[in-house]
C-alpha atoms as a PDB file:
ATOM      1  CA  MET A   1      10.056  10.945 -13.468  1.00  0.00           C
ATOM      2  CA  ALA A   2      13.709  10.126 -14.202  1.00  0.00           C
ATOM      3  CA  LYS A   3      13.919  12.989 -16.697  1.00  0.00           C
ATOM      4  CA  LYS A   4      12.023  15.505 -14.549  1.00  0.00           C
ATOM      5  CA  THR A   5      14.077  18.486 -13.383  1.00  0.00           C
ATOM      6  CA  VAL A   6      13.458  21.559 -11.250  1.00  0.00           C
ATOM      7  CA  SER A   7      15.401  24.806 -11.477  1.00  0.00           C
ATOM      8  CA  VAL A   8      15.689  27.562  -8.908  1.00  0.00           C
ATOM      9  CA  THR A   9      17.442  30.898  -9.197  1.00  0.00           C
ATOM     10  CA  SER A  10      19.017  32.397  -6.086  1.00  0.00           C
ATOM     11  CA  LYS A  11      17.497  35.478  -4.466  1.00  0.00           C
ATOM     12  CA  ASN A  12      20.324  37.664  -5.774  1.00  0.00           C
ATOM     13  CA  ARG A  13      19.802  36.225  -9.317  1.00  0.00           C
ATOM     14  CA  MET A  14      23.452  35.248  -9.425  1.00  0.00           C
ATOM     15  CA  VAL A  15      23.075  31.486  -9.787  1.00  0.00           C
ATOM     16  CA  THR A  16      20.542  28.942 -11.010  1.00  0.00           C
ATOM     17  CA  VAL A  17      20.643  25.332  -9.879  1.00  0.00           C
ATOM     18  CA  VAL A  18      18.902  22.407 -11.527  1.00  0.00           C
ATOM     19  CA  VAL A  19      18.089  19.205  -9.635  1.00  0.00           C
ATOM     20  CA  GLY A  20      16.455  15.974 -10.706  1.00  0.00           C
ATOM     21  CA  ALA A  21      13.482  14.170  -9.204  1.00  0.00           C
ATOM     22  CA  GLN A  22      15.755  12.398  -6.711  1.00  0.00           C
ATOM     23  CA  SER A  23      17.359  15.707  -5.661  1.00  0.00           C
ATOM     24  CA  GLU A  24      20.542  15.031  -7.609  1.00  0.00           C
ATOM     25  CA  VAL A  25      22.310  18.167  -8.823  1.00  0.00           C
ATOM     26  CA  ARG A  26      22.124  18.309 -12.617  1.00  0.00           C
ATOM     27  CA  ASP A  27      23.486  21.792 -13.318  1.00  0.00           C
ATOM     28  CA  ILE A  28      24.744  24.997 -11.709  1.00  0.00           C
ATOM     29  CA  THR A  29      24.820  28.155 -13.831  1.00  0.00           C
ATOM     30  CA  PHE A  30      26.351  31.442 -12.726  1.00  0.00           C
ATOM     31  CA  HIS A  31      24.665  34.425 -14.421  1.00  0.00           C
ATOM     32  CA  THR A  32      27.183  37.049 -13.345  1.00  0.00           C
ATOM     33  CA  GLU A  33      30.826  37.270 -12.346  1.00  0.00           C
ATOM     34  CA  ALA A  34      29.837  38.337  -8.807  1.00  0.00           C
ATOM     35  CA  TYR A  35      30.806  34.961  -7.379  1.00  0.00           C
ATOM     36  CA  ARG A  36      34.477  35.797  -8.056  1.00  0.00           C
ATOM     37  CA  THR A  37      34.493  38.597  -5.480  1.00  0.00           C
ATOM     38  CA  MET A  38      32.159  37.042  -2.917  1.00  0.00           C
ATOM     39  CA  ALA A  39      33.417  35.832   0.410  1.00  0.00           C
ATOM     40  CA  PRO A  40      33.601  32.015   0.359  1.00  0.00           C
ATOM     41  CA  ALA A  41      31.027  31.725   3.164  1.00  0.00           C
ATOM     42  CA  GLU A  42      28.563  33.970   1.296  1.00  0.00           C
ATOM     43  CA  LEU A  43      28.994  32.017  -1.952  1.00  0.00           C
ATOM     44  CA  GLY A  44      28.526  28.748  -0.084  1.00  0.00           C
ATOM     45  CA  ARG A  45      25.387  30.044   1.646  1.00  0.00           C
ATOM     46  CA  THR A  46      23.946  31.236  -1.706  1.00  0.00           C
ATOM     47  CA  LEU A  47      24.532  27.838  -3.293  1.00  0.00           C
ATOM     48  CA  VAL A  48      23.173  25.883  -0.323  1.00  0.00           C
ATOM     49  CA  GLU A  49      20.014  28.027  -0.149  1.00  0.00           C
ATOM     50  CA  ALA A  50      19.336  27.632  -3.877  1.00  0.00           C
ATOM     51  CA  LEU A  51      20.006  23.880  -3.748  1.00  0.00           C
ATOM     52  CA  GLU A  52      17.758  23.372  -0.728  1.00  0.00           C
ATOM     53  CA  GLU A  53      14.941  25.338  -2.333  1.00  0.00           C
ATOM     54  CA  ALA A  54      15.288  23.305  -5.536  1.00  0.00           C
ATOM     55  CA  ARG A  55      15.296  20.028  -3.581  1.00  0.00           C
ATOM     56  CA  LYS A  56      12.156  21.029  -1.671  1.00  0.00           C
ATOM     57  CA  LYS A  57      10.472  21.985  -4.937  1.00  0.00           C
ATOM     58  CA  ALA A  58      11.503  18.659  -6.531  1.00  0.00           C
ATOM     59  CA  ARG A  59      10.176  16.660  -3.549  1.00  0.00           C
ATOM     60  CA  ALA A  60       6.885  18.559  -3.703  1.00  0.00           C
ATOM     61  CA  GLU A  61       6.507  17.822  -7.418  1.00  0.00           C
ATOM     62  CA  VAL A  62       7.327  14.125  -6.931  1.00  0.00           C
ATOM     63  CA  PHE A  63       4.808  13.942  -4.078  1.00  0.00           C
ATOM     64  CA  SER A  64       2.077  15.609  -6.121  1.00  0.00           C
ATOM     65  CA  THR A  65       2.757  13.248  -9.028  1.00  0.00           C
ATOM     66  CA  LEU A  66       2.750  10.097  -6.894  1.00  0.00           C
ATOM     67  CA  SER A  67       0.079  10.976  -4.321  1.00  0.00           C
ATOM     68  CA  PRO A  68      -2.832   9.798  -6.503  1.00  0.00           C
ATOM     69  CA  MET A  69      -1.280   6.312  -6.359  1.00  0.00           C
ATOM     70  CA  THR A  70      -1.080   6.287  -2.566  1.00  0.00           C
ATOM     71  CA  GLY A  71      -2.899   3.327  -1.110  1.00  0.00           C
ATOM     72  CA  PHE A  72      -2.986   1.384  -4.381  1.00  0.00           C
ATOM     73  CA  GLY A  73      -0.979  -1.467  -2.834  1.00  0.00           C
ATOM     74  CA  GLU A  74      -3.396  -1.827   0.061  1.00  0.00           C
ATOM     75  CA  ARG A  75      -6.402  -1.838  -2.273  1.00  0.00           C
ATOM     76  CA  LEU A  76      -4.738  -4.429  -4.509  1.00  0.00           C
ATOM     77  CA  ARG A  77      -3.851  -6.630  -1.528  1.00  0.00           C
ATOM     78  CA  ALA A  78      -7.395  -6.388  -0.163  1.00  0.00           C
ATOM     79  CA  SER A  79      -8.850  -7.399  -3.503  1.00  0.00           C
ATOM     80  CA  MET A  80      -6.441 -10.345  -3.765  1.00  0.00           C
ATOM     81  CA  LEU A  81      -7.233 -11.549  -0.242  1.00  0.00           C
ATOM     82  CA  GLY A  82     -10.995 -11.280  -0.507  1.00  0.00           C
ATOM     83  CA  GLY A  83     -11.451  -7.737   0.748  1.00  0.00           C
ATOM     84  CA  THR A  84     -13.873  -6.806  -2.031  1.00  0.00           C
ATOM     85  CA  GLU A  85     -17.464  -7.724  -2.828  1.00  0.00           C
ATOM     86  CA  ILE A  86     -16.282 -10.190  -5.472  1.00  0.00           C
ATOM     87  CA  GLY A  87     -13.904 -11.687  -2.917  1.00  0.00           C
ATOM     88  CA  LYS A  88     -16.778 -12.151  -0.463  1.00  0.00           C
ATOM     89  CA  VAL A  89     -18.836 -13.957  -3.102  1.00  0.00           C
ATOM     90  CA  VAL A  90     -15.873 -16.209  -3.925  1.00  0.00           C
ATOM     91  CA  GLU A  91     -15.402 -16.905  -0.214  1.00  0.00           C
ATOM     92  CA  GLN A  92     -19.063 -17.947   0.073  1.00  0.00           C
ATOM     93  CA  LEU A  93     -18.643 -20.221  -2.945  1.00  0.00           C
ATOM     94  CA  HIS A  94     -15.571 -21.777  -1.325  1.00  0.00           C
ATOM     95  CA  ALA A  95     -17.520 -22.347   1.889  1.00  0.00           C
ATOM     96  CA  ALA A  96     -20.420 -23.929   0.000  1.00  0.00           C
ATOM     97  CA  ALA A  97     -18.078 -26.208  -1.959  1.00  0.00           C
ATOM     98  CA  GLU A  98     -16.251 -27.204   1.225  1.00  0.00           C
ATOM     99  CA  GLU A  99     -19.553 -27.964   2.930  1.00  0.00           C
ATOM    100  CA  LYS A 100     -20.606 -30.156   0.031  1.00  0.00           C
ATOM    101  CA  ALA A 101     -17.221 -31.966  -0.154  1.00  0.00           C
ATOM    102  CA  GLY A 102     -16.972 -32.583   3.576  1.00  0.00           C
ATOM    103  CA  PRO A 103     -14.484 -31.462   6.245  1.00  0.00           C
ATOM    104  CA  GLU A 104     -11.680 -33.861   5.182  1.00  0.00           C
ATOM    105  CA  SER A 105     -11.457 -32.299   1.725  1.00  0.00           C
ATOM    106  CA  THR A 106      -8.384 -30.136   1.139  1.00  0.00           C
ATOM    107  CA  ARG A 107      -9.512 -28.841  -2.215  1.00  0.00           C
ATOM    108  CA  TRP A 108     -10.524 -25.408  -0.897  1.00  0.00           C
ATOM    109  CA  PRO A 109      -8.347 -23.836   1.813  1.00  0.00           C
ATOM    110  CA  ARG A 110     -10.247 -22.567   4.830  1.00  0.00           C
ATOM    111  CA  ASP A 111      -7.933 -19.583   5.283  1.00  0.00           C
ATOM    112  CA  PRO A 112      -7.968 -17.144   2.314  1.00  0.00           C
ATOM    113  CA  GLU A 113      -4.303 -16.316   3.028  1.00  0.00           C
ATOM    114  CA  ASP A 114      -3.315 -19.990   2.534  1.00  0.00           C
ATOM    115  CA  GLU A 115      -3.516 -19.416  -1.203  1.00  0.00           C
ATOM    116  CA  THR A 116      -0.788 -16.777  -1.096  1.00  0.00           C
ATOM    117  CA  ASP A 117       1.631 -18.484   1.349  1.00  0.00           C
ATOM    118  CA  ASP A 118       4.910 -19.840   0.016  1.00  0.00           C
END
């Protein structure tokens, strides 16, 4: 992702801007000499429009690349805290071992989150 870039050429084909995945400006290329005679406000507007379009395009590409990973943290946490079928079986084994050892035993924590507390 760090090397990914997006380029956009302005509507008037005068300038192309290149931005990185974090919307940082990597390059601005003028294709004509028209910018020399443009009013400052018009040149500024052209650059801002091209940069904004490139940033939107970069954000969309980052989102599409990362969206398949959305929710991975929640699934991992659930599996670590007994939110899966294997976790339920382990929880039942803990309960059976605790029952066998007696209530004063501290070998198996009653709360599944106790194992992850600092």
